[in-house]
N, C-alpha and C. Protein backbone atom coordinates (compact mmCIF):
# COMPACT_ATOMS: atom_id res chain seq x y z
N GLN A 1 16.14 24.39 -8.78
CA GLN A 1 17.11 23.68 -7.95
C GLN A 1 16.43 22.44 -7.36
N VAL A 2 17.11 21.31 -7.50
CA VAL A 2 16.57 20.06 -6.99
C VAL A 2 16.64 20.05 -5.47
N GLN A 3 15.55 19.63 -4.87
CA GLN A 3 15.52 19.50 -3.41
C GLN A 3 14.93 18.16 -3.03
N LEU A 4 15.55 17.51 -2.09
CA LEU A 4 15.01 16.31 -1.48
C LEU A 4 14.98 16.54 0.01
N VAL A 5 13.82 16.35 0.61
CA VAL A 5 13.66 16.58 2.03
C VAL A 5 13.03 15.37 2.68
N GLU A 6 13.77 14.75 3.58
CA GLU A 6 13.26 13.60 4.32
C GLU A 6 12.66 14.07 5.65
N SER A 7 11.67 13.33 6.12
CA SER A 7 11.07 13.62 7.42
C SER A 7 10.41 12.34 7.95
N GLY A 8 10.02 12.39 9.22
CA GLY A 8 9.28 11.28 9.80
C GLY A 8 10.07 10.42 10.74
N GLY A 9 11.37 10.67 10.85
CA GLY A 9 12.17 9.87 11.77
C GLY A 9 11.85 10.16 13.21
N GLY A 10 12.41 9.34 14.09
CA GLY A 10 12.19 9.54 15.51
C GLY A 10 12.47 8.26 16.27
N LEU A 11 11.99 8.25 17.49
CA LEU A 11 12.18 7.09 18.37
C LEU A 11 10.98 6.16 18.25
N VAL A 12 11.26 4.90 18.06
CA VAL A 12 10.19 3.91 17.97
C VAL A 12 10.61 2.68 18.78
N GLN A 13 9.65 2.07 19.41
CA GLN A 13 9.94 0.87 20.20
C GLN A 13 10.07 -0.35 19.28
N PRO A 14 10.83 -1.33 19.71
CA PRO A 14 10.89 -2.58 18.92
C PRO A 14 9.49 -3.14 18.70
N GLY A 15 9.23 -3.54 17.48
CA GLY A 15 7.90 -4.02 17.13
C GLY A 15 6.96 -2.94 16.66
N GLY A 16 7.35 -1.69 16.85
CA GLY A 16 6.51 -0.59 16.42
C GLY A 16 6.69 -0.27 14.95
N SER A 17 6.03 0.77 14.49
CA SER A 17 6.13 1.14 13.09
C SER A 17 6.19 2.66 12.94
N LEU A 18 6.69 3.10 11.81
CA LEU A 18 6.68 4.51 11.48
C LEU A 18 6.79 4.66 9.99
N ARG A 19 6.44 5.85 9.51
CA ARG A 19 6.49 6.13 8.08
C ARG A 19 7.36 7.35 7.82
N LEU A 20 8.31 7.17 6.92
CA LEU A 20 9.18 8.26 6.52
C LEU A 20 8.69 8.83 5.19
N SER A 21 8.95 10.12 5.01
CA SER A 21 8.56 10.79 3.77
C SER A 21 9.77 11.42 3.11
N CYS A 22 9.78 11.38 1.80
CA CYS A 22 10.82 12.04 1.02
C CYS A 22 10.11 12.87 -0.05
N VAL A 23 10.24 14.18 0.04
CA VAL A 23 9.63 15.07 -0.94
C VAL A 23 10.70 15.53 -1.90
N VAL A 24 10.49 15.26 -3.18
CA VAL A 24 11.42 15.65 -4.23
C VAL A 24 10.77 16.77 -5.04
N SER A 25 11.48 17.86 -5.20
CA SER A 25 10.94 18.98 -5.97
C SER A 25 12.07 19.66 -6.71
N GLY A 26 11.69 20.48 -7.67
CA GLY A 26 12.68 21.27 -8.37
C GLY A 26 13.04 20.78 -9.75
N PHE A 27 12.61 19.58 -10.10
CA PHE A 27 12.85 19.12 -11.46
C PHE A 27 11.84 18.02 -11.79
N THR A 28 11.72 17.73 -13.05
CA THR A 28 10.75 16.74 -13.50
C THR A 28 11.37 15.36 -13.47
N LEU A 29 10.78 14.51 -12.66
CA LEU A 29 11.30 13.15 -12.50
C LEU A 29 10.40 12.17 -13.25
N LYS A 30 9.96 12.54 -14.39
CA LYS A 30 8.90 11.86 -15.13
C LYS A 30 8.94 10.34 -15.04
N ASP A 31 10.03 9.73 -15.45
CA ASP A 31 10.11 8.27 -15.46
C ASP A 31 11.22 7.77 -14.54
N GLY A 32 11.61 8.58 -13.62
CA GLY A 32 12.72 8.21 -12.76
C GLY A 32 12.32 7.40 -11.56
N TYR A 33 13.25 7.27 -10.65
CA TYR A 33 13.08 6.44 -9.48
C TYR A 33 13.54 7.20 -8.23
N ILE A 34 12.89 6.91 -7.13
CA ILE A 34 13.28 7.47 -5.84
C ILE A 34 13.68 6.30 -4.94
N GLY A 35 14.85 6.41 -4.35
CA GLY A 35 15.35 5.34 -3.51
C GLY A 35 15.54 5.78 -2.08
N TRP A 36 15.35 4.82 -1.18
CA TRP A 36 15.63 5.04 0.24
C TRP A 36 16.87 4.22 0.61
N PHE A 37 17.76 4.87 1.33
CA PHE A 37 18.98 4.24 1.80
C PHE A 37 19.10 4.52 3.29
N ARG A 38 19.93 3.75 3.97
CA ARG A 38 20.15 4.02 5.38
C ARG A 38 21.62 3.79 5.72
N GLN A 39 22.05 4.49 6.75
CA GLN A 39 23.42 4.35 7.21
C GLN A 39 23.43 4.28 8.72
N ALA A 40 23.81 3.12 9.22
CA ALA A 40 23.93 2.93 10.66
C ALA A 40 25.31 3.39 11.11
N PRO A 41 25.48 3.73 12.38
CA PRO A 41 26.78 4.17 12.87
C PRO A 41 27.87 3.16 12.55
N GLY A 42 28.94 3.64 11.93
CA GLY A 42 30.07 2.79 11.63
C GLY A 42 29.89 1.88 10.44
N LYS A 43 28.79 2.02 9.73
CA LYS A 43 28.54 1.13 8.59
C LYS A 43 28.36 1.94 7.32
N GLU A 44 28.47 1.24 6.19
CA GLU A 44 28.27 1.91 4.92
C GLU A 44 26.78 2.14 4.65
N ARG A 45 26.52 3.10 3.79
CA ARG A 45 25.14 3.37 3.39
C ARG A 45 24.65 2.22 2.52
N GLU A 46 23.46 1.73 2.84
CA GLU A 46 22.92 0.58 2.10
C GLU A 46 21.53 0.89 1.56
N GLY A 47 21.20 0.23 0.47
CA GLY A 47 19.88 0.41 -0.13
C GLY A 47 18.81 -0.28 0.68
N VAL A 48 17.68 0.38 0.83
CA VAL A 48 16.55 -0.18 1.57
C VAL A 48 15.41 -0.51 0.61
N ALA A 49 15.02 0.48 -0.19
CA ALA A 49 13.90 0.29 -1.10
C ALA A 49 13.95 1.35 -2.20
N CYS A 50 13.24 1.07 -3.27
CA CYS A 50 13.23 1.97 -4.42
C CYS A 50 11.87 1.86 -5.10
N ILE A 51 11.42 2.96 -5.69
CA ILE A 51 10.14 2.92 -6.40
C ILE A 51 10.19 3.76 -7.66
N GLY A 52 9.59 3.25 -8.72
CA GLY A 52 9.49 3.99 -9.96
C GLY A 52 8.37 5.01 -9.88
N VAL A 53 8.67 6.22 -10.28
CA VAL A 53 7.69 7.30 -10.18
C VAL A 53 6.48 7.02 -11.07
N SER A 54 6.73 6.58 -12.29
CA SER A 54 5.62 6.38 -13.23
C SER A 54 4.96 5.01 -13.09
N ASP A 55 5.76 3.94 -13.08
CA ASP A 55 5.16 2.61 -13.11
C ASP A 55 5.03 1.95 -11.75
N GLY A 56 5.59 2.57 -10.72
CA GLY A 56 5.46 2.01 -9.38
C GLY A 56 6.25 0.75 -9.13
N SER A 57 7.15 0.39 -10.05
CA SER A 57 7.98 -0.80 -9.83
C SER A 57 8.82 -0.59 -8.59
N THR A 58 9.09 -1.67 -7.87
CA THR A 58 9.77 -1.53 -6.58
C THR A 58 10.92 -2.49 -6.42
N TYR A 59 11.82 -2.10 -5.55
CA TYR A 59 12.90 -2.96 -5.06
C TYR A 59 12.87 -2.83 -3.55
N ILE A 60 12.98 -3.94 -2.86
CA ILE A 60 13.10 -3.91 -1.41
C ILE A 60 14.22 -4.87 -1.03
N GLN A 61 15.08 -4.41 -0.16
CA GLN A 61 16.20 -5.23 0.30
C GLN A 61 15.67 -6.57 0.83
N ASP A 62 16.31 -7.65 0.43
CA ASP A 62 15.82 -8.99 0.77
C ASP A 62 15.60 -9.16 2.27
N SER A 63 16.53 -8.67 3.07
CA SER A 63 16.45 -8.89 4.51
C SER A 63 15.30 -8.13 5.15
N MET A 64 14.72 -7.21 4.43
CA MET A 64 13.67 -6.38 4.99
C MET A 64 12.30 -6.66 4.37
N LYS A 65 12.24 -7.57 3.43
CA LYS A 65 10.96 -7.88 2.80
C LYS A 65 9.98 -8.39 3.85
N GLY A 66 8.77 -7.90 3.78
CA GLY A 66 7.75 -8.25 4.75
C GLY A 66 7.65 -7.23 5.88
N ARG A 67 8.69 -6.42 6.05
CA ARG A 67 8.67 -5.39 7.10
C ARG A 67 8.72 -3.98 6.54
N ILE A 68 8.89 -3.89 5.24
CA ILE A 68 9.04 -2.58 4.59
C ILE A 68 7.98 -2.42 3.52
N ASP A 69 7.44 -1.22 3.43
CA ASP A 69 6.53 -0.90 2.33
C ASP A 69 6.95 0.43 1.75
N ILE A 70 6.96 0.53 0.44
CA ILE A 70 7.31 1.79 -0.21
C ILE A 70 6.18 2.18 -1.14
N SER A 71 5.84 3.44 -1.15
CA SER A 71 4.78 3.95 -2.01
C SER A 71 5.13 5.36 -2.43
N ARG A 72 4.33 5.91 -3.37
CA ARG A 72 4.64 7.27 -3.82
C ARG A 72 3.38 8.03 -4.18
N ASP A 73 3.47 9.35 -4.08
CA ASP A 73 2.45 10.27 -4.55
C ASP A 73 3.09 11.18 -5.59
N ILE A 74 2.31 11.55 -6.57
CA ILE A 74 2.83 12.42 -7.63
C ILE A 74 1.95 13.64 -7.77
N SER A 75 2.58 14.81 -7.79
CA SER A 75 1.87 16.04 -8.07
C SER A 75 2.56 16.66 -9.28
N ARG A 76 2.14 16.25 -10.46
CA ARG A 76 2.87 16.67 -11.67
C ARG A 76 2.72 18.16 -11.94
N ASP A 77 1.58 18.74 -11.56
CA ASP A 77 1.42 20.17 -11.82
C ASP A 77 2.37 20.98 -10.97
N LYS A 78 2.82 20.39 -9.86
CA LYS A 78 3.77 21.08 -9.00
C LYS A 78 5.19 20.54 -9.18
N ASP A 79 5.33 19.53 -10.08
CA ASP A 79 6.62 18.86 -10.21
C ASP A 79 7.14 18.43 -8.83
N GLN A 80 6.26 17.83 -8.07
CA GLN A 80 6.64 17.40 -6.72
C GLN A 80 6.28 15.93 -6.59
N TYR A 81 7.22 15.18 -6.06
CA TYR A 81 7.05 13.74 -5.92
C TYR A 81 7.38 13.37 -4.48
N THR A 82 6.59 12.50 -3.91
CA THR A 82 6.82 12.07 -2.53
C THR A 82 6.90 10.56 -2.49
N ALA A 83 7.96 10.07 -1.88
CA ALA A 83 8.11 8.64 -1.66
C ALA A 83 8.01 8.37 -0.17
N TYR A 84 7.19 7.39 0.17
CA TYR A 84 6.99 7.03 1.58
C TYR A 84 7.65 5.68 1.85
N LEU A 85 8.30 5.60 2.98
CA LEU A 85 8.89 4.34 3.43
C LEU A 85 8.28 3.99 4.78
N SER A 86 7.55 2.90 4.80
CA SER A 86 6.95 2.44 6.05
C SER A 86 7.78 1.30 6.61
N ILE A 87 8.19 1.47 7.84
CA ILE A 87 8.92 0.41 8.54
C ILE A 87 7.95 -0.24 9.52
N LEU A 88 7.70 -1.49 9.33
CA LEU A 88 6.77 -2.24 10.17
C LEU A 88 7.57 -3.18 11.06
N GLU A 89 7.09 -3.43 12.25
CA GLU A 89 7.78 -4.34 13.16
C GLU A 89 9.25 -3.99 13.28
N ALA A 90 9.49 -2.75 13.69
CA ALA A 90 10.86 -2.23 13.76
C ALA A 90 11.74 -3.09 14.66
N LYS A 91 13.01 -3.19 14.23
CA LYS A 91 14.01 -3.93 15.00
C LYS A 91 15.16 -2.98 15.34
N SER A 92 15.96 -3.38 16.32
CA SER A 92 17.07 -2.52 16.73
C SER A 92 18.02 -2.25 15.56
N GLU A 93 18.16 -3.23 14.67
CA GLU A 93 19.07 -3.04 13.54
C GLU A 93 18.55 -2.05 12.50
N ASP A 94 17.33 -1.58 12.69
CA ASP A 94 16.79 -0.54 11.80
C ASP A 94 17.25 0.85 12.23
N THR A 95 17.91 0.94 13.38
CA THR A 95 18.43 2.23 13.84
C THR A 95 19.47 2.74 12.86
N ALA A 96 19.22 3.91 12.30
CA ALA A 96 20.11 4.46 11.27
C ALA A 96 19.61 5.82 10.85
N ASP A 97 20.44 6.50 10.08
CA ASP A 97 19.99 7.71 9.38
C ASP A 97 19.47 7.25 8.02
N TYR A 98 18.29 7.70 7.66
CA TYR A 98 17.64 7.30 6.42
C TYR A 98 17.68 8.47 5.43
N TYR A 99 18.11 8.16 4.23
CA TYR A 99 18.27 9.16 3.18
C TYR A 99 17.48 8.74 1.94
N CYS A 100 17.10 9.74 1.15
CA CYS A 100 16.51 9.43 -0.15
C CYS A 100 17.34 10.10 -1.24
N ALA A 101 17.23 9.57 -2.43
CA ALA A 101 17.95 10.08 -3.59
C ALA A 101 17.20 9.66 -4.85
N THR A 102 17.59 10.22 -5.97
CA THR A 102 16.89 9.93 -7.21
C THR A 102 17.81 9.23 -8.21
N ASP A 103 17.18 8.56 -9.16
CA ASP A 103 17.89 7.84 -10.20
C ASP A 103 17.04 7.93 -11.46
N PRO A 104 17.48 8.66 -12.48
CA PRO A 104 16.63 8.88 -13.65
C PRO A 104 16.29 7.59 -14.40
N LEU A 105 17.16 6.59 -14.37
CA LEU A 105 16.92 5.38 -15.16
C LEU A 105 16.63 4.15 -14.30
N GLY A 106 16.91 4.21 -13.02
CA GLY A 106 16.63 3.08 -12.14
C GLY A 106 17.71 2.04 -12.09
N VAL A 107 18.79 2.24 -12.81
CA VAL A 107 19.84 1.22 -12.89
C VAL A 107 20.43 0.96 -11.51
N SER A 108 20.70 2.02 -10.77
CA SER A 108 21.25 1.89 -9.43
C SER A 108 20.17 1.63 -8.42
N CYS A 109 19.12 2.40 -8.51
CA CYS A 109 18.05 2.35 -7.51
C CYS A 109 17.46 0.96 -7.37
N LEU A 110 17.15 0.32 -8.48
CA LEU A 110 16.49 -0.97 -8.44
C LEU A 110 17.42 -2.11 -8.02
N ARG A 111 18.68 -1.79 -7.81
CA ARG A 111 19.63 -2.76 -7.27
C ARG A 111 20.05 -2.39 -5.86
N GLY A 112 19.50 -1.31 -5.33
CA GLY A 112 19.89 -0.86 -4.01
C GLY A 112 21.31 -0.36 -3.94
N ASN A 113 21.80 0.13 -5.07
CA ASN A 113 23.19 0.57 -5.18
C ASN A 113 23.27 2.08 -5.03
N ARG A 114 23.98 2.55 -4.01
CA ARG A 114 24.05 3.99 -3.77
C ARG A 114 24.88 4.71 -4.82
N ILE A 115 25.81 3.97 -5.47
CA ILE A 115 26.62 4.57 -6.52
C ILE A 115 25.72 4.84 -7.72
N GLY A 116 25.71 6.08 -8.17
CA GLY A 116 24.86 6.45 -9.29
C GLY A 116 23.58 7.15 -8.89
N MET A 117 23.29 7.19 -7.59
CA MET A 117 22.12 7.93 -7.12
C MET A 117 22.46 9.42 -7.06
N ASN A 118 21.44 10.25 -7.19
CA ASN A 118 21.66 11.69 -7.26
C ASN A 118 20.88 12.45 -6.21
N GLY A 119 21.40 13.61 -5.87
CA GLY A 119 20.63 14.60 -5.10
C GLY A 119 20.23 14.16 -3.71
N TRP A 120 21.11 13.63 -2.94
CA TRP A 120 20.81 13.15 -1.60
C TRP A 120 20.20 14.23 -0.71
N GLY A 121 19.20 13.82 0.09
CA GLY A 121 18.64 14.72 1.08
C GLY A 121 19.52 14.75 2.31
N GLN A 122 19.05 15.46 3.33
CA GLN A 122 19.86 15.64 4.54
C GLN A 122 19.71 14.48 5.52
N GLY A 123 18.71 13.64 5.29
CA GLY A 123 18.52 12.47 6.13
C GLY A 123 17.57 12.71 7.29
N THR A 124 17.01 11.62 7.78
CA THR A 124 16.17 11.65 8.98
C THR A 124 16.54 10.44 9.83
N ARG A 125 16.67 10.66 11.12
CA ARG A 125 17.21 9.62 12.00
C ARG A 125 16.09 8.78 12.60
N VAL A 126 16.28 7.48 12.54
CA VAL A 126 15.36 6.53 13.17
C VAL A 126 16.11 5.80 14.27
N THR A 127 15.53 5.81 15.45
CA THR A 127 16.13 5.09 16.58
C THR A 127 15.10 4.10 17.11
N VAL A 128 15.49 2.83 17.11
CA VAL A 128 14.61 1.78 17.63
C VAL A 128 15.15 1.37 18.99
N SER A 129 14.38 1.68 20.01
CA SER A 129 14.84 1.42 21.37
C SER A 129 13.67 1.38 22.31
N GLY A 130 13.87 0.75 23.42
CA GLY A 130 12.81 0.76 24.43
C GLY A 130 12.42 -0.60 24.90
């Protein structure tokens, strides 16, 4: 059974930083992609960043370039993949629930398109305040 579990959210002050984790397990994501999305109150879910499991290719939303870093760890013997999303110099508009999902071919993920993403996690909340 596929599982995606996000963690690392919390309260951060403006200008601060934090790192979110998404652990994907339960199936082989050999050449697939893991994407991070966020949904602020009253807004649609939007793409933040995406990374290729094998080649490390990335997509980062234009408005967040320079403040976002995405990376991944692979444990192939455990069929476990972890994607990290680092938010640097947090802003109030970064307040949202952050979700991860997978995309076997990257067609959606590398465009930041939530349509076509699979296996959404339960999300982790980030609040930028203070």
